[in-house]
Amino acid sequence: MKTKVCCKCKLELPLCNFYKHKRGKYGKGTICKSCKREKGHSPERRTYVAGYHKSLKGQIGRKKEILKRHNITLVQYDKMFEQQNGACIICGLPELSCRLCIDHDHETNEIRGLLCRSCNVRLGYFERMKNDGFIKKADRYLKNSS
């Protein structure tokens, strides 16, 4: 039976005590399942609240991402988040498993609000269709076919 040493508790354990990891030795991770579970419930664990990580490392990474992409501060993001009650401005679904997208006008780079990924993608398609006249043509088609 193949075994592996956990890099946290330093115990030699059978491979079944390690989670799968495609790049790890024998296709397994470096930390055993029991150490992973302990880490998952520790206070320093990353948790998502109000659209960014609670941990200091996460806040710094999120801040850099927001500043780099949209030229706004984390405080401005949080203010928008609170104004929208933590939900998508179009469909109203609350942020659950992932952060809300920062929607902006691609011509002026002006930020319009926070959207769920689904609404952000749909809005992008809508804007492209509007710009190439598709919506007017489709509306005319529907009126003529009735």
Protein backbone atom coordinates (compact mmCIF):
# COMPACT_ATOMS: atom_id res chain seq x y z
CA MET A 1 0.00 0.00 0.00
CA LYS A 2 1.38 3.39 -0.99
CA THR A 3 1.75 6.01 1.68
CA LYS A 4 2.55 9.69 1.85
CA VAL A 5 3.71 12.07 4.59
CA CYS A 6 1.40 14.97 5.44
CA CYS A 7 3.35 18.23 5.28
CA LYS A 8 1.36 19.64 8.22
CA CYS A 9 1.10 16.88 10.85
CA LYS A 10 4.16 14.97 9.50
CA LEU A 11 2.38 11.60 9.78
CA GLU A 12 2.85 8.91 7.17
CA LEU A 13 -0.63 7.94 6.03
CA PRO A 14 -2.21 5.82 3.28
CA LEU A 15 -3.06 7.69 0.06
CA CYS A 16 -6.80 7.36 0.79
CA ASN A 17 -6.27 9.95 3.59
CA PHE A 18 -5.38 12.65 1.03
CA TYR A 19 -7.68 14.56 -1.31
CA LYS A 20 -7.14 14.32 -5.06
CA HIS A 21 -4.82 16.86 -6.65
CA LYS A 22 -3.93 16.41 -10.29
CA ARG A 23 -0.41 17.85 -9.98
CA GLY A 24 0.47 16.23 -6.66
CA LYS A 25 2.60 13.14 -6.16
CA TYR A 26 0.45 10.06 -6.87
CA GLY A 27 -2.33 12.48 -7.86
CA LYS A 28 -2.89 13.51 -4.23
CA GLY A 29 -2.50 16.76 -2.26
CA THR A 30 0.21 17.47 0.32
CA ILE A 31 -2.03 17.91 3.39
CA CYS A 32 -4.06 15.01 4.81
CA LYS A 33 -7.87 15.18 5.01
CA SER A 34 -7.98 15.68 8.79
CA CYS A 35 -5.51 18.60 8.66
CA LYS A 36 -7.47 20.10 5.75
CA ARG A 37 -10.69 19.88 7.78
CA GLU A 38 -9.04 21.61 10.75
CA LYS A 39 -7.73 24.34 8.45
CA GLY A 40 -11.18 24.78 6.92
CA HIS A 41 -12.70 25.63 10.29
CA SER A 42 -9.92 27.87 11.53
CA PRO A 43 -10.56 31.60 12.09
CA GLU A 44 -7.90 32.65 9.57
CA ARG A 45 -9.77 30.78 6.82
CA ARG A 46 -10.79 32.94 3.88
CA THR A 47 -14.48 33.77 3.90
CA TYR A 48 -16.39 35.89 1.47
CA VAL A 49 -18.38 38.72 3.05
CA ALA A 50 -19.66 41.81 1.26
CA GLY A 51 -17.86 40.93 -1.95
CA TYR A 52 -14.29 40.51 -0.72
CA HIS A 53 -12.15 38.31 1.51
CA LYS A 54 -12.18 38.95 5.24
CA SER A 55 -8.53 38.04 5.52
CA LEU A 56 -5.96 40.83 5.19
CA LYS A 57 -4.27 39.04 2.30
CA GLY A 58 -7.62 38.77 0.50
CA GLN A 59 -8.47 42.43 1.06
CA ILE A 60 -5.15 43.54 -0.37
CA GLY A 61 -5.58 41.29 -3.44
CA ARG A 62 -9.16 42.46 -3.98
CA LYS A 63 -8.15 46.10 -3.52
CA LYS A 64 -5.39 45.78 -6.11
CA GLU A 65 -7.76 44.06 -8.54
CA ILE A 66 -10.43 46.78 -8.18
CA LEU A 67 -7.93 49.64 -8.44
CA LYS A 68 -6.20 48.10 -11.44
CA ARG A 69 -9.30 47.20 -13.45
CA HIS A 70 -11.79 49.93 -12.59
CA ASN A 71 -9.85 52.72 -10.87
CA ILE A 72 -12.05 52.74 -7.74
CA THR A 73 -11.26 52.04 -4.10
CA LEU A 74 -12.52 49.19 -1.96
CA VAL A 75 -14.50 51.77 0.06
CA GLN A 76 -16.30 52.92 -3.12
CA TYR A 77 -17.04 49.27 -4.00
CA ASP A 78 -18.44 48.61 -0.52
CA LYS A 79 -20.58 51.76 -0.74
CA MET A 80 -22.08 50.57 -4.06
CA PHE A 81 -22.58 47.11 -2.55
CA GLU A 82 -24.48 48.58 0.42
CA GLN A 83 -26.59 50.88 -1.80
CA GLN A 84 -27.68 47.85 -3.82
CA ASN A 85 -28.28 45.77 -0.65
CA GLY A 86 -25.66 43.25 -1.78
CA ALA A 87 -27.69 42.24 -4.82
CA CYS A 88 -27.54 42.54 -8.60
CA ILE A 89 -29.03 45.87 -9.69
CA ILE A 90 -30.90 44.24 -12.63
CA CYS A 91 -32.30 40.92 -11.39
CA GLY A 92 -32.06 41.57 -7.64
CA LEU A 93 -30.41 38.24 -6.82
CA PRO A 94 -28.14 38.49 -3.78
CA GLU A 95 -24.46 37.76 -4.00
CA LEU A 96 -24.07 34.17 -2.85
CA SER A 97 -21.22 32.15 -4.27
CA CYS A 98 -19.23 34.74 -6.17
CA ARG A 99 -18.59 38.46 -6.17
CA LEU A 100 -20.76 40.81 -8.13
CA CYS A 101 -19.23 42.13 -11.35
CA ILE A 102 -18.44 45.83 -11.62
CA ASP A 103 -20.40 46.97 -14.68
CA HIS A 104 -18.96 49.86 -16.67
CA ASP A 105 -19.51 51.63 -19.97
CA HIS A 106 -16.81 50.43 -22.35
CA GLU A 107 -16.70 53.74 -24.20
CA THR A 108 -16.49 56.13 -21.22
CA ASN A 109 -15.23 53.65 -18.57
CA GLU A 110 -17.86 55.10 -16.20
CA ILE A 111 -19.00 52.60 -13.56
CA ARG A 112 -22.75 51.96 -13.64
CA GLY A 113 -23.26 49.45 -10.82
CA LEU A 114 -22.79 45.88 -9.61
CA LEU A 115 -24.28 42.99 -11.58
CA CYS A 116 -24.35 39.21 -11.22
CA ARG A 117 -22.30 37.43 -13.86
CA SER A 118 -25.38 36.33 -15.78
CA CYS A 119 -26.81 39.86 -16.08
CA ASN A 120 -23.37 41.28 -16.91
CA VAL A 121 -22.96 38.87 -19.83
CA ARG A 122 -26.52 39.47 -21.05
CA LEU A 123 -26.05 43.23 -20.87
CA GLY A 124 -22.90 42.90 -22.96
CA TYR A 125 -24.79 40.99 -25.66
CA PHE A 126 -27.67 43.49 -25.46
CA GLU A 127 -25.32 46.45 -25.96
CA ARG A 128 -23.68 44.80 -28.98
CA MET A 129 -27.07 43.97 -30.52
CA LYS A 130 -28.32 47.51 -29.88
CA ASN A 131 -25.26 49.03 -31.52
CA ASP A 132 -25.56 46.98 -34.71
CA GLY A 133 -29.31 47.62 -35.06
CA PHE A 134 -30.35 44.03 -34.32
CA ILE A 135 -33.01 45.01 -31.78
CA LYS A 136 -34.83 47.36 -34.19
CA LYS A 137 -34.65 44.78 -36.98
CA ALA A 138 -35.90 41.99 -34.70
CA ASP A 139 -38.74 44.18 -33.41
CA ARG A 140 -39.79 45.04 -36.97
CA TYR A 141 -39.65 41.34 -37.88
CA LEU A 142 -41.86 40.35 -34.94
CA LYS A 143 -44.41 43.07 -35.73
CA ASN A 144 -44.57 42.08 -39.41
CA SER A 145 -44.89 38.36 -38.70
CA SER A 146 -47.96 38.78 -36.46
